[in-house]
Amino acid sequence: MIKNLKKHGNSMALVIEKPILDLLGADADTPFDITTDGHALILTPVTDPQRQQDFRAALDRTNTRYAGTLKKLAK
C-alpha cells in the first residue's frame, strides 16, 4: 500500500485506515513507538510500556555482551 503524507499544521500526517488499525489491535488512543533504521519508518503499537522498556533493556544488554559475535555473524 502506498500512502502520501498530508499537511497538518506545521507538521505532516500519515492516515492509517481502520482495517489496518484493527489488524494491529490499535485505536485513536493507542500510543505508537516510532523508530527508523535510517531508510524506513517503523511504527509499533505500544500495548504495555513496562514490557517495551524491559525488552529494550534486554536487547541493549544482549548487544553489549555479544557485540563482537554479532559483528562476526554479520560478515
C-alpha atoms as a PDB file:
ATOM      1  CA  MET A   1       0.000   0.000   0.000  1.00  0.00           C
ATOM      2  CA  ILE A   2       1.393   3.381  -0.964  1.00  0.00           C
ATOM      3  CA  LYS A   3       0.397   6.374   1.146  1.00  0.00           C
ATOM      4  CA  ASN A   4       1.097  10.093   0.865  1.00  0.00           C
ATOM      5  CA  LEU A   5       1.735  12.412   3.772  1.00  0.00           C
ATOM      6  CA  LYS A   6      -0.851  15.118   4.426  1.00  0.00           C
ATOM      7  CA  LYS A   7      -0.105  18.647   5.665  1.00  0.00           C
ATOM      8  CA  HIS A   8      -1.297  19.034   9.260  1.00  0.00           C
ATOM      9  CA  GLY A   9      -0.468  22.481  10.647  1.00  0.00           C
ATOM     10  CA  ASN A  10       3.330  22.788  10.613  1.00  0.00           C
ATOM     11  CA  SER A  11       3.690  19.008  10.502  1.00  0.00           C
ATOM     12  CA  MET A  12       2.932  16.118   8.190  1.00  0.00           C
ATOM     13  CA  ALA A  13       0.460  13.328   8.994  1.00  0.00           C
ATOM     14  CA  LEU A  14       0.023   9.787   7.769  1.00  0.00           C
ATOM     15  CA  VAL A  15      -3.561   8.490   7.789  1.00  0.00           C
ATOM     16  CA  ILE A  16      -3.883   4.848   8.828  1.00  0.00           C
ATOM     17  CA  GLU A  17      -7.151   3.208   7.790  1.00  0.00           C
ATOM     18  CA  LYS A  18      -9.354   1.409  10.317  1.00  0.00           C
ATOM     19  CA  PRO A  19      -8.801  -2.115   8.889  1.00  0.00           C
ATOM     20  CA  ILE A  20      -5.064  -1.755   9.490  1.00  0.00           C
ATOM     21  CA  LEU A  21      -5.624  -0.393  12.997  1.00  0.00           C
ATOM     22  CA  ASP A  22      -7.981  -3.309  13.684  1.00  0.00           C
ATOM     23  CA  LEU A  23      -5.330  -5.747  12.494  1.00  0.00           C
ATOM     24  CA  LEU A  24      -2.832  -4.183  14.923  1.00  0.00           C
ATOM     25  CA  GLY A  25      -5.349  -4.032  17.752  1.00  0.00           C
ATOM     26  CA  ALA A  26      -4.884  -0.253  17.881  1.00  0.00           C
ATOM     27  CA  ASP A  27      -7.219   2.721  18.027  1.00  0.00           C
ATOM     28  CA  ALA A  28      -7.005   6.512  18.338  1.00  0.00           C
ATOM     29  CA  ASP A  29      -5.776   6.203  21.947  1.00  0.00           C
ATOM     30  CA  THR A  30      -3.019   3.667  21.266  1.00  0.00           C
ATOM     31  CA  PRO A  31       0.495   5.093  21.633  1.00  0.00           C
ATOM     32  CA  PHE A  32       2.956   4.149  18.885  1.00  0.00           C
ATOM     33  CA  ASP A  33       6.707   3.755  19.188  1.00  0.00           C
ATOM     34  CA  ILE A  34       8.265   5.377  16.109  1.00  0.00           C
ATOM     35  CA  THR A  35      11.751   4.235  15.134  1.00  0.00           C
ATOM     36  CA  THR A  36      13.817   4.178  11.978  1.00  0.00           C
ATOM     37  CA  ASP A  37      16.589   2.078  10.519  1.00  0.00           C
ATOM     38  CA  GLY A  38      17.754   5.072   8.510  1.00  0.00           C
ATOM     39  CA  HIS A  39      15.727   4.073   5.442  1.00  0.00           C
ATOM     40  CA  ALA A  40      12.256   3.242   6.747  1.00  0.00           C
ATOM     41  CA  LEU A  41       9.860   4.341   9.464  1.00  0.00           C
ATOM     42  CA  ILE A  42       8.777   1.612  11.846  1.00  0.00           C
ATOM     43  CA  LEU A  43       5.532   2.174  13.758  1.00  0.00           C
ATOM     44  CA  THR A  44       4.856  -0.217  16.617  1.00  0.00           C
ATOM     45  CA  PRO A  45       1.785  -0.015  18.849  1.00  0.00           C
ATOM     46  CA  VAL A  46       2.793   0.120  22.497  1.00  0.00           C
ATOM     47  CA  THR A  47       0.486  -2.096  24.484  1.00  0.00           C
ATOM     48  CA  ASP A  48       2.467  -2.260  27.728  1.00  0.00           C
ATOM     49  CA  PRO A  49       5.082   0.450  28.345  1.00  0.00           C
ATOM     50  CA  GLN A  50       6.891  -1.593  31.014  1.00  0.00           C
ATOM     51  CA  ARG A  51       7.155  -4.621  28.713  1.00  0.00           C
ATOM     52  CA  GLN A  52       8.556  -2.406  25.942  1.00  0.00           C
ATOM     53  CA  GLN A  53      11.086  -0.897  28.368  1.00  0.00           C
ATOM     54  CA  ASP A  54      12.116  -4.358  29.628  1.00  0.00           C
ATOM     55  CA  PHE A  55      12.555  -5.616  26.061  1.00  0.00           C
ATOM     56  CA  ARG A  56      14.741  -2.655  25.079  1.00  0.00           C
ATOM     57  CA  ALA A  57      16.874  -3.130  28.204  1.00  0.00           C
ATOM     58  CA  ALA A  58      17.320  -6.844  27.407  1.00  0.00           C
ATOM     59  CA  LEU A  59      18.195  -6.004  23.797  1.00  0.00           C
ATOM     60  CA  ASP A  60      20.774  -3.450  24.943  1.00  0.00           C
ATOM     61  CA  ARG A  61      22.348  -5.980  27.345  1.00  0.00           C
ATOM     62  CA  THR A  62      22.491  -8.614  24.585  1.00  0.00           C
ATOM     63  CA  ASN A  63      24.021  -6.189  22.079  1.00  0.00           C
ATOM     64  CA  THR A  64      26.625  -5.094  24.630  1.00  0.00           C
ATOM     65  CA  ARG A  65      27.515  -8.612  25.755  1.00  0.00           C
ATOM     66  CA  TYR A  66      27.638 -10.193  22.286  1.00  0.00           C
ATOM     67  CA  ALA A  67      28.707  -7.227  20.140  1.00  0.00           C
ATOM     68  CA  GLY A  68      31.814  -8.995  18.796  1.00  0.00           C
ATOM     69  CA  THR A  69      29.981 -12.200  17.983  1.00  0.00           C
ATOM     70  CA  LEU A  70      27.129 -10.344  16.283  1.00  0.00           C
ATOM     71  CA  LYS A  71      29.610  -8.418  14.132  1.00  0.00           C
ATOM     72  CA  LYS A  72      31.288 -11.663  13.082  1.00  0.00           C
ATOM     73  CA  LEU A  73      27.918 -13.203  12.206  1.00  0.00           C
ATOM     74  CA  ALA A  74      27.039 -10.158  10.102  1.00  0.00           C
ATOM     75  CA  LYS A  75      30.087 -10.652   7.876  1.00  0.00           C
END
